[in-house]
Amino acid sequence: MTRIRLRLGVLGLALLTGLSTPTTVASAGPAAPAPTVEEQRLDRAVPQEILRRSGFDDVAPAFGRSLERADSYAQARRLVEREGSALWRRAVDRAQGRGTKGPQGRGAAAREGGDGRGADLSPDDDRPLYWARLGLTRQVRTWQPAFGLTDAQRAGLLDRLERTSRGQTDIRYPGEGHLRRILLTGFDPFTLDRDIRISNPSGATALALDGTVVETAEGPARIETAVFPVRWEDFAQGTVERTLRPYLPRADLFTTVSQGRAGRFDIERTNGAWRGGFPDNDDVSRTGTVPVTDPASQPQWTSTTLPYADVVAADTGRFPVYDHTEVTEIPAGGTGPVVRPDGPTPGSTARAGAGGDYLSNEIAYRATLLRDRLGLHESLPGGHVHTPVLQFGAGNSTEVTDPDFVRNRLDIIAQVRAIVTVAAEATFRR
């Protein structure tokens, strides 16, 4: 994810086509809230084109029809769980070239360029999942059932939909004595008001690698993945810790992944406990210390335990890979921020980790802090990988895809896989 620093800027409701407006029914519950800023972007032409050209334009309309038939909260919750999980599996199957089954049971042949019905968008694309999920959350957010829905119940449905459609409830590892276990996370697209066409290669990587096995010289390892939102409030509410806590003690290696700088990978050495305030996907800004449980014991810095030297030395793909150590700190006794190329000094206060001060830094900070609080610092290799910025071909300022864009994304996915394999080999042989 593009890093945001104090001394730098960022580097680098018509409903879905065919979707009927949710029926408004007199309800005993509170009035339904309006769609979020993030959901309102669905009205624009680019999301509609991405959904149509991927075959995912059927997801929200069919879900909306099923939701209107739900006559109790329990039935709605079962529907949300089933359809959220099915959307995640459909996106993973599409990315990995398998025949897909839509959330409502529609069979579709995944082929190069799409998910059936004449779709022609490259199957490695992460954007169909992102925009289809927003179609589902908007349906739930604006739904007014006859039986009445409390604010807490609506929030519960939205939370369950988010978690299931992001793969956060779909992490499955083999039993002891079989494969090694690798956990990898990605992100949604972001900076959509700058360019709504944007894709996030970390999310695409999560879809491409979920449930796959990499062969290392020390034996096979299974990768399980999940995707996270680009929203400050979700992180403050503990979505990272809730998702990762059950699995880190069982993992042999983990890495959070996000989009970083143009033309390079970075293995981020140090993570900082600071939010820099850049707007998230809901156009919300947050500045201050990363909010965590037990703040009295919260460190200003956490560090990677990935084998970064091995990764940097290996030939993993076309993009150079760097051991990135620079941070921004307020030195002990100091009053203003100072850039430190070799990491923080003792007693300093964080203002940007090696990965910046946005949510990419925060997920790395939270995941490695959780690792340390679980007593796994010495035994569990983990940290953050920043991918290159995913770029369109030269001269493309309007089209949603082009051959260079697809090639760049495929190369990034392949190189993340190679980086994870190298890290696993280096870890397992020690």
Protein backbone atom coordinates (compact mmCIF):
# COMPACT_ATOMS: atom_id res chain seq x y z
CA MET A 1 0.00 0.00 0.00
CA THR A 2 1.40 3.37 -0.95
CA ARG A 3 3.31 4.68 1.98
CA ILE A 4 2.35 8.05 3.46
CA ARG A 5 5.04 10.02 5.26
CA LEU A 6 5.11 13.34 7.04
CA ARG A 7 7.55 14.65 4.49
CA LEU A 8 5.76 13.15 1.48
CA GLY A 9 2.27 12.82 0.02
CA VAL A 10 1.08 9.50 -1.36
CA LEU A 11 3.48 7.92 -3.84
CA GLY A 12 2.58 6.97 -6.43
CA LEU A 13 -27.04 6.05 -6.22
CA ALA A 14 -28.22 4.26 -9.36
CA LEU A 15 -27.70 0.66 -8.20
CA LEU A 16 -25.87 -2.17 -9.95
CA THR A 17 -27.10 -2.92 -13.48
CA GLY A 18 -30.25 -5.01 -13.17
CA LEU A 19 -30.53 -4.44 -9.42
CA SER A 20 -33.92 -3.34 -8.20
CA THR A 21 -34.14 -0.76 -5.43
CA PRO A 22 -34.66 -2.65 -2.16
CA THR A 23 -38.31 -2.64 -1.20
CA THR A 24 -39.10 -0.21 1.60
CA VAL A 25 -41.42 -1.82 4.12
CA ALA A 26 -42.83 -0.36 7.30
CA SER A 27 -40.53 -1.57 10.00
CA ALA A 28 -40.48 -1.63 13.76
CA GLY A 29 -36.74 -1.12 13.69
CA PRO A 30 -34.69 2.02 13.10
CA ALA A 31 -34.57 3.55 9.64
CA ALA A 32 -31.95 2.00 7.40
CA PRO A 33 -28.78 4.08 7.07
CA ALA A 34 -27.62 5.56 3.80
CA PRO A 35 -24.92 3.81 1.75
CA THR A 36 -21.36 4.64 2.74
CA VAL A 37 -19.00 6.78 0.68
CA GLU A 38 -17.31 3.57 -0.45
CA GLU A 39 -20.59 1.99 -1.51
CA GLN A 40 -21.73 5.09 -3.37
CA ARG A 41 -18.85 4.72 -5.85
CA LEU A 42 -20.72 1.73 -7.26
CA ASP A 43 -22.83 4.22 -9.24
CA ARG A 44 -19.92 5.16 -11.46
CA ALA A 45 -19.26 3.72 -14.89
CA VAL A 46 -15.97 1.95 -14.13
CA PRO A 47 -17.29 -0.33 -11.34
CA GLN A 48 -20.24 -1.23 -13.53
CA GLU A 49 -17.93 -2.13 -16.40
CA ILE A 50 -15.66 -4.22 -14.15
CA LEU A 51 -18.63 -6.15 -12.79
CA ARG A 52 -20.12 -6.70 -16.22
CA ARG A 53 -16.85 -7.75 -17.84
CA SER A 54 -16.06 -10.19 -15.05
CA GLY A 55 -19.53 -11.76 -14.90
CA PHE A 56 -19.95 -10.61 -11.29
CA ASP A 57 -22.78 -8.23 -12.15
CA ASP A 58 -25.26 -10.96 -11.13
CA VAL A 59 -24.06 -11.16 -7.53
CA ALA A 60 -25.81 -8.24 -5.83
CA PRO A 61 -29.11 -8.46 -7.74
CA ALA A 62 -29.61 -12.13 -6.86
CA PHE A 63 -28.54 -11.53 -3.27
CA GLY A 64 -31.00 -8.65 -3.00
CA ARG A 65 -33.87 -10.84 -4.15
CA SER A 66 -32.96 -13.52 -1.61
CA LEU A 67 -32.63 -10.94 1.15
CA GLU A 68 -36.11 -9.59 0.45
CA ARG A 69 -37.50 -13.08 1.04
CA ALA A 70 -35.86 -13.41 4.48
CA ASP A 71 -38.54 -13.25 7.16
CA SER A 72 -36.34 -13.30 10.29
CA TYR A 73 -32.96 -12.14 11.50
CA ALA A 74 -31.80 -15.74 11.84
CA GLN A 75 -32.69 -16.46 8.23
CA ALA A 76 -30.95 -13.28 7.08
CA ARG A 77 -27.81 -14.21 9.01
CA ARG A 78 -27.71 -17.67 7.42
CA LEU A 79 -28.13 -16.07 3.99
CA VAL A 80 -25.37 -13.54 4.62
CA GLU A 81 -22.95 -16.22 5.80
CA ARG A 82 -23.69 -18.50 2.86
CA GLU A 83 -23.50 -15.81 0.19
CA GLY A 84 -20.45 -14.08 1.65
CA SER A 85 -18.50 -17.33 1.75
CA ALA A 86 -19.68 -18.27 -1.74
CA LEU A 87 -18.53 -14.92 -3.13
CA TRP A 88 -15.04 -15.47 -1.70
CA ARG A 89 -14.86 -19.00 -3.12
CA ARG A 90 -16.14 -17.81 -6.49
CA ALA A 91 -13.45 -15.12 -6.63
CA VAL A 92 -10.72 -17.58 -5.62
CA ASP A 93 -11.90 -20.16 -8.15
CA ARG A 94 -11.95 -17.55 -10.89
CA ALA A 95 -8.46 -16.33 -10.03
CA GLN A 96 -7.13 -19.90 -10.04
CA GLY A 97 -8.82 -20.91 -13.29
CA ARG A 98 -11.35 -23.36 -11.90
CA GLY A 99 -14.96 -23.73 -12.91
CA THR A 100 -17.01 -21.48 -10.68
CA LYS A 101 -20.38 -21.61 -9.05
CA GLY A 102 -21.99 -18.30 -8.29
CA PRO A 103 -23.38 -17.44 -4.85
CA GLN A 104 -26.89 -18.37 -5.98
CA GLY A 105 -25.79 -21.71 -7.44
CA ARG A 106 -25.40 -20.58 -11.05
CA GLY A 107 -22.73 -22.67 -12.69
CA ALA A 108 -20.23 -20.74 -14.79
CA ALA A 109 -17.15 -21.80 -16.66
CA ALA A 110 -14.09 -19.85 -15.59
CA ARG A 111 -12.03 -19.22 -18.64
CA GLU A 112 -9.33 -16.80 -19.60
CA GLY A 113 -10.85 -13.38 -19.52
CA GLY A 114 -13.82 -14.01 -17.34
CA ASP A 115 -16.48 -15.89 -15.45
CA GLY A 116 -18.82 -16.91 -18.24
CA ARG A 117 -21.60 -15.04 -20.03
CA GLY A 118 -19.23 -13.33 -22.44
CA ALA A 119 -17.08 -11.77 -19.70
CA ASP A 120 -13.63 -10.78 -20.89
CA LEU A 121 -11.81 -9.37 -17.86
CA SER A 122 -8.61 -11.17 -16.91
CA PRO A 123 -9.28 -13.78 -14.20
CA ASP A 124 -6.33 -12.59 -12.09
CA ASP A 125 -8.21 -9.32 -11.42
CA ASP A 126 -9.08 -8.60 -7.78
CA ARG A 127 -11.55 -5.81 -8.55
CA PRO A 128 -14.67 -7.93 -9.26
CA LEU A 129 -14.60 -9.26 -5.69
CA TYR A 130 -14.20 -5.75 -4.28
CA TRP A 131 -17.06 -4.18 -6.20
CA ALA A 132 -19.37 -7.19 -5.84
CA ARG A 133 -18.84 -7.17 -2.07
CA LEU A 134 -19.84 -3.51 -1.92
CA GLY A 135 -23.00 -4.40 -3.80
CA LEU A 136 -23.83 -6.92 -1.09
CA THR A 137 -23.02 -4.63 1.84
CA ARG A 138 -25.11 -1.86 0.32
CA GLN A 139 -28.07 -4.24 0.05
CA VAL A 140 -27.78 -5.14 3.74
CA ARG A 141 -27.17 -1.55 4.83
CA THR A 142 -30.28 -0.19 3.09
CA TRP A 143 -32.58 -3.18 3.73
CA GLN A 144 -35.78 -2.52 5.72
CA PRO A 145 -37.48 -5.84 6.45
CA ALA A 146 -41.05 -6.08 7.71
CA PHE A 147 -39.95 -7.86 10.90
CA GLY A 148 -37.78 -4.94 11.98
CA LEU A 149 -34.02 -4.84 12.28
CA THR A 150 -32.16 -3.24 15.15
CA ASP A 151 -28.95 -1.29 14.60
CA ALA A 152 -27.03 -4.04 16.39
CA GLN A 153 -28.54 -6.74 14.19
CA ARG A 154 -27.73 -4.81 11.01
CA ALA A 155 -24.18 -4.28 12.22
CA GLY A 156 -23.93 -8.02 12.93
CA LEU A 157 -25.06 -8.89 9.42
CA LEU A 158 -22.60 -6.46 7.87
CA ASP A 159 -19.75 -7.75 10.02
CA ARG A 160 -20.51 -11.35 9.07
CA LEU A 161 -20.76 -10.44 5.40
CA GLU A 162 -17.43 -8.62 5.50
CA ARG A 163 -15.64 -11.47 7.23
CA THR A 164 -16.99 -14.30 5.10
CA SER A 165 -16.50 -12.51 1.76
CA ARG A 166 -12.89 -11.68 2.64
CA GLY A 167 -11.81 -15.25 3.35
CA GLN A 168 -11.33 -14.46 7.03
CA THR A 169 -13.55 -17.38 8.05
CA ASP A 170 -12.27 -19.69 5.32
CA ILE A 171 -8.73 -20.34 6.60
CA ARG A 172 -8.17 -24.09 6.64
CA TYR A 173 -4.92 -25.88 7.45
CA PRO A 174 -4.09 -29.60 7.34
CA GLY A 175 -3.61 -31.54 10.53
CA GLU A 176 -0.33 -31.82 12.36
CA GLY A 177 2.45 -33.72 10.59
CA HIS A 178 1.32 -32.91 7.09
CA LEU A 179 2.10 -29.64 5.29
CA ARG A 180 3.78 -26.57 6.71
CA ARG A 181 1.45 -23.60 7.13
CA ILE A 182 1.82 -20.11 5.64
CA LEU A 183 -0.61 -17.26 6.30
CA LEU A 184 -0.76 -14.33 3.85
CA THR A 185 -3.01 -11.26 3.79
CA GLY A 186 -3.86 -8.68 1.13
CA PHE A 187 -5.87 -5.47 0.80
CA ASP A 188 -8.73 -3.95 -1.16
CA PRO A 189 -8.06 -1.35 -3.87
CA PHE A 190 -7.66 2.17 -2.47
CA THR A 191 -7.18 5.82 -3.54
CA LEU A 192 -10.27 5.28 -5.68
CA ASP A 193 -11.09 8.98 -5.90
CA ARG A 194 -7.74 9.48 -7.57
CA ASP A 195 -8.30 6.66 -10.08
CA ILE A 196 -11.36 4.47 -9.67
CA ARG A 197 -9.87 1.89 -12.04
CA ILE A 198 -7.22 0.91 -9.51
CA SER A 199 -6.49 -2.71 -8.64
CA ASN A 200 -4.48 -3.88 -5.63
CA PRO A 201 -1.90 -6.56 -6.44
CA SER A 202 -1.87 -7.71 -2.81
CA GLY A 203 -5.57 -8.59 -3.03
CA ALA A 204 -5.00 -10.28 -6.38
CA THR A 205 -2.16 -12.27 -4.81
CA ALA A 206 -4.39 -13.40 -1.95
CA LEU A 207 -6.94 -14.74 -4.42
CA ALA A 208 -4.32 -16.42 -6.60
CA LEU A 209 -2.52 -18.15 -3.71
CA ASP A 210 -5.36 -19.12 -1.36
CA GLY A 211 -5.23 -22.83 -0.65
CA THR A 212 -2.24 -23.43 -2.92
CA VAL A 213 0.87 -25.41 -2.03
CA VAL A 214 4.43 -24.27 -2.62
CA GLU A 215 7.23 -26.80 -2.86
CA THR A 216 10.37 -25.99 -0.92
CA ALA A 217 13.62 -27.88 -0.51
CA GLU A 218 12.47 -28.59 3.03
CA GLY A 219 9.03 -29.88 2.03
CA PRO A 220 5.65 -28.56 0.87
CA ALA A 221 3.76 -25.70 2.52
CA ARG A 222 0.13 -24.67 2.17
CA ILE A 223 -0.78 -20.99 1.84
CA GLU A 224 -4.02 -19.66 3.30
CA THR A 225 -5.07 -16.06 2.70
CA ALA A 226 -7.51 -13.31 3.65
CA VAL A 227 -8.17 -9.76 2.48
CA PHE A 228 -8.65 -6.67 4.64
CA PRO A 229 -10.51 -3.38 4.10
CA VAL A 230 -8.80 -0.02 3.70
CA ARG A 231 -10.71 1.61 6.55
CA TRP A 232 -9.28 3.02 9.78
CA GLU A 233 -12.31 2.13 11.91
CA ASP A 234 -12.24 -1.58 11.05
CA PHE A 235 -8.65 -1.73 12.26
CA ALA A 236 -9.51 0.17 15.45
CA GLN A 237 -12.25 -2.39 16.09
CA GLY A 238 -9.68 -5.20 15.99
CA THR A 239 -10.38 -6.90 12.68
CA VAL A 240 -6.72 -7.83 12.22
CA GLU A 241 -6.28 -9.38 15.64
CA ARG A 242 -9.62 -11.18 15.55
CA THR A 243 -8.76 -12.76 12.21
CA LEU A 244 -5.14 -13.70 12.88
CA ARG A 245 -5.18 -14.69 16.55
CA PRO A 246 -6.54 -18.24 16.03
CA TYR A 247 -4.00 -19.03 13.30
CA LEU A 248 -0.66 -17.45 14.21
CA PRO A 249 0.11 -20.08 16.89
CA ARG A 250 -0.40 -22.79 14.24
CA ALA A 251 1.46 -21.05 11.41
CA ASP A 252 5.04 -21.68 10.36
CA LEU A 253 5.35 -18.31 8.60
CA PHE A 254 3.13 -15.29 7.93
CA THR A 255 3.32 -12.15 5.86
CA THR A 256 1.02 -9.22 5.40
CA VAL A 257 1.20 -7.81 1.87
CA SER A 258 0.21 -4.46 0.38
CA GLN A 259 1.00 -2.18 -2.56
CA GLY A 260 4.01 0.06 -2.04
CA ARG A 261 6.36 1.93 -4.32
CA ALA A 262 6.74 1.90 -8.07
CA GLY A 263 9.09 -0.66 -9.60
CA ARG A 264 10.26 -2.44 -6.44
CA PHE A 265 9.45 -4.82 -3.62
CA ASP A 266 10.29 -3.86 -0.03
CA ILE A 267 10.67 -6.17 2.93
CA GLU A 268 9.80 -3.73 5.71
CA ARG A 269 12.16 -4.06 8.64
CA THR A 270 10.36 -1.97 11.29
CA ASN A 271 6.72 -1.02 11.91
CA GLY A 272 5.61 2.09 13.78
CA ALA A 273 2.74 2.78 16.20
CA TRP A 274 1.51 5.87 14.35
CA ARG A 275 -1.41 6.72 12.06
CA GLY A 276 -0.59 9.47 9.59
CA GLY A 277 -4.16 10.46 8.72
CA PHE A 278 -4.35 9.84 4.97
CA PRO A 279 -8.03 9.31 4.01
CA ASP A 280 -9.28 5.75 3.78
CA ASN A 281 -11.85 4.28 1.38
CA ASP A 282 -14.67 6.02 3.25
CA ASP A 283 -12.77 9.34 3.07
CA VAL A 284 -12.15 9.17 6.83
CA SER A 285 -8.85 10.39 8.30
CA ARG A 286 -7.26 9.26 11.55
CA THR A 287 -4.10 10.65 13.09
CA GLY A 288 -2.53 9.43 16.32
CA THR A 289 -1.12 6.39 18.03
CA VAL A 290 -2.37 3.07 16.65
CA PRO A 291 -5.21 2.06 19.02
CA VAL A 292 -4.67 -1.38 20.55
CA THR A 293 -5.77 -3.28 23.64
CA ASP A 294 -3.57 -2.71 26.68
CA PRO A 295 -2.01 0.53 25.40
CA ALA A 296 0.10 0.82 28.55
CA SER A 297 2.30 -2.01 27.27
CA GLN A 298 2.24 -0.88 23.64
CA PRO A 299 5.68 -0.49 22.03
CA GLN A 300 6.48 2.31 19.60
CA TRP A 301 8.10 -0.14 17.21
CA THR A 302 7.82 -3.77 16.17
CA SER A 303 10.12 -5.62 13.81
CA THR A 304 10.00 -8.23 11.09
CA THR A 305 11.18 -11.76 11.76
CA LEU A 306 11.04 -12.71 8.09
CA PRO A 307 14.40 -13.93 6.70
CA TYR A 308 14.85 -10.69 4.75
CA ALA A 309 18.51 -11.25 3.91
CA ASP A 310 17.70 -14.55 2.19
CA VAL A 311 14.80 -12.99 0.27
CA VAL A 312 16.80 -9.99 -0.92
CA ALA A 313 19.65 -12.22 -2.08
CA ALA A 314 17.40 -14.56 -4.08
CA ASP A 315 16.31 -14.19 -7.70
CA THR A 316 12.55 -14.05 -7.23
CA GLY A 317 11.41 -12.15 -10.33
CA ARG A 318 11.73 -9.10 -12.51
CA PHE A 319 11.37 -6.48 -9.76
CA PRO A 320 14.25 -5.71 -7.36
CA VAL A 321 13.65 -6.56 -3.71
CA TYR A 322 14.99 -4.35 -0.92
CA ASP A 323 15.56 -4.71 2.80
CA HIS A 324 13.88 -1.42 3.69
CA THR A 325 14.99 0.07 7.01
CA GLU A 326 14.11 3.79 6.92
CA VAL A 327 11.73 5.16 9.55
CA THR A 328 10.59 8.57 10.77
CA GLU A 329 10.81 9.19 14.51
CA ILE A 330 10.79 11.84 17.19
CA PRO A 331 14.07 11.10 19.00
CA ALA A 332 14.05 10.69 22.76
CA GLY A 333 13.99 14.21 24.17
CA GLY A 334 13.34 15.69 20.72
CA THR A 335 10.45 17.81 19.52
CA GLY A 336 10.19 17.15 15.80
CA PRO A 337 10.30 14.25 13.34
CA VAL A 338 13.61 12.98 12.00
CA VAL A 339 14.15 10.50 9.18
CA ARG A 340 16.42 7.62 10.18
CA PRO A 341 17.73 5.55 7.26
CA ASP A 342 18.82 2.65 9.49
CA GLY A 343 15.83 2.30 11.77
CA PRO A 344 14.68 3.85 15.05
CA THR A 345 16.93 4.99 17.87
CA PRO A 346 16.39 3.94 21.52
CA GLY A 347 13.47 5.65 23.24
CA SER A 348 12.15 7.33 20.13
CA THR A 349 8.49 7.93 19.25
CA ALA A 350 7.19 6.55 15.97
CA ARG A 351 5.97 8.81 13.19
CA ALA A 352 6.37 6.38 10.28
CA GLY A 353 7.54 2.80 10.05
CA ALA A 354 9.57 1.45 7.18
CA GLY A 355 6.21 0.87 5.51
CA GLY A 356 4.95 4.41 6.18
CA ASP A 357 2.08 5.58 8.38
CA TYR A 358 -0.97 4.27 6.53
CA LEU A 359 -2.88 1.01 6.95
CA SER A 360 -0.14 -1.10 5.38
CA ASN A 361 2.15 -0.09 8.21
CA GLU A 362 -0.69 -0.61 10.67
CA ILE A 363 -1.49 -4.17 9.62
CA ALA A 364 2.21 -5.01 9.86
CA TYR A 365 2.41 -3.39 13.29
CA ARG A 366 -0.71 -5.14 14.55
CA ALA A 367 0.25 -8.57 13.19
CA THR A 368 3.80 -8.44 14.57
CA LEU A 369 2.61 -7.02 17.90
CA LEU A 370 0.13 -9.89 18.12
CA ARG A 371 2.94 -12.32 17.31
CA ASP A 372 5.00 -10.86 20.16
CA ARG A 373 2.12 -10.79 22.65
CA LEU A 374 1.46 -14.45 21.88
CA GLY A 375 5.10 -15.17 22.79
CA LEU A 376 6.04 -16.14 19.22
CA HIS A 377 8.71 -13.56 18.39
CA GLU A 378 11.54 -16.09 18.41
CA SER A 379 9.66 -18.98 16.84
CA LEU A 380 7.39 -17.48 14.16
CA PRO A 381 8.85 -15.68 11.13
CA GLY A 382 6.54 -12.87 10.07
CA GLY A 383 6.45 -9.34 8.71
CA HIS A 384 5.35 -7.20 5.81
CA VAL A 385 6.02 -7.23 2.05
CA HIS A 386 5.28 -4.18 -0.09
CA THR A 387 4.71 -4.95 -3.77
CA PRO A 388 5.39 -2.57 -6.66
CA VAL A 389 2.61 -0.19 -7.63
CA LEU A 390 0.43 -1.90 -10.23
CA GLN A 391 0.65 0.31 -13.31
CA PHE A 392 -1.41 0.58 -16.48
CA GLY A 393 0.29 0.62 -19.86
CA ALA A 394 1.74 3.87 -21.16
CA GLY A 395 -0.95 6.14 -22.50
CA ASN A 396 -3.87 4.33 -20.88
CA SER A 397 -5.75 6.87 -18.80
CA THR A 398 -9.32 5.67 -19.37
CA GLU A 399 -9.52 1.91 -20.05
CA VAL A 400 -10.11 -0.48 -17.12
CA THR A 401 -7.41 -2.87 -18.32
CA ASP A 402 -4.68 -3.36 -20.92
CA PRO A 403 -2.02 -6.01 -21.69
CA ASP A 404 0.72 -4.27 -19.64
CA PHE A 405 -1.61 -3.94 -16.67
CA VAL A 406 -2.39 -7.66 -16.73
CA ARG A 407 1.25 -8.63 -17.26
CA ASN A 408 2.38 -6.43 -14.38
CA ARG A 409 -0.18 -7.95 -12.03
CA LEU A 410 0.69 -11.52 -13.03
CA ASP A 411 4.40 -10.80 -12.57
CA ILE A 412 3.79 -9.33 -9.12
CA ILE A 413 1.68 -12.32 -8.07
CA ALA A 414 4.35 -14.74 -9.29
CA GLN A 415 7.08 -12.83 -7.48
CA VAL A 416 5.18 -12.75 -4.18
CA ARG A 417 4.80 -16.51 -4.48
CA ALA A 418 8.55 -16.82 -5.08
CA ILE A 419 9.35 -14.52 -2.15
CA VAL A 420 7.15 -16.57 0.16
CA THR A 421 8.78 -19.78 -1.08
CA VAL A 422 12.29 -18.43 -0.43
CA ALA A 423 11.25 -17.22 3.03
CA ALA A 424 9.74 -20.61 3.81
CA GLU A 425 12.83 -22.52 2.68
CA ALA A 426 15.12 -20.27 4.71
CA THR A 427 12.90 -20.64 7.76
CA PHE A 428 12.27 -24.36 7.58
CA ARG A 429 15.93 -25.33 7.26
CA ARG A 430 16.92 -23.50 10.42
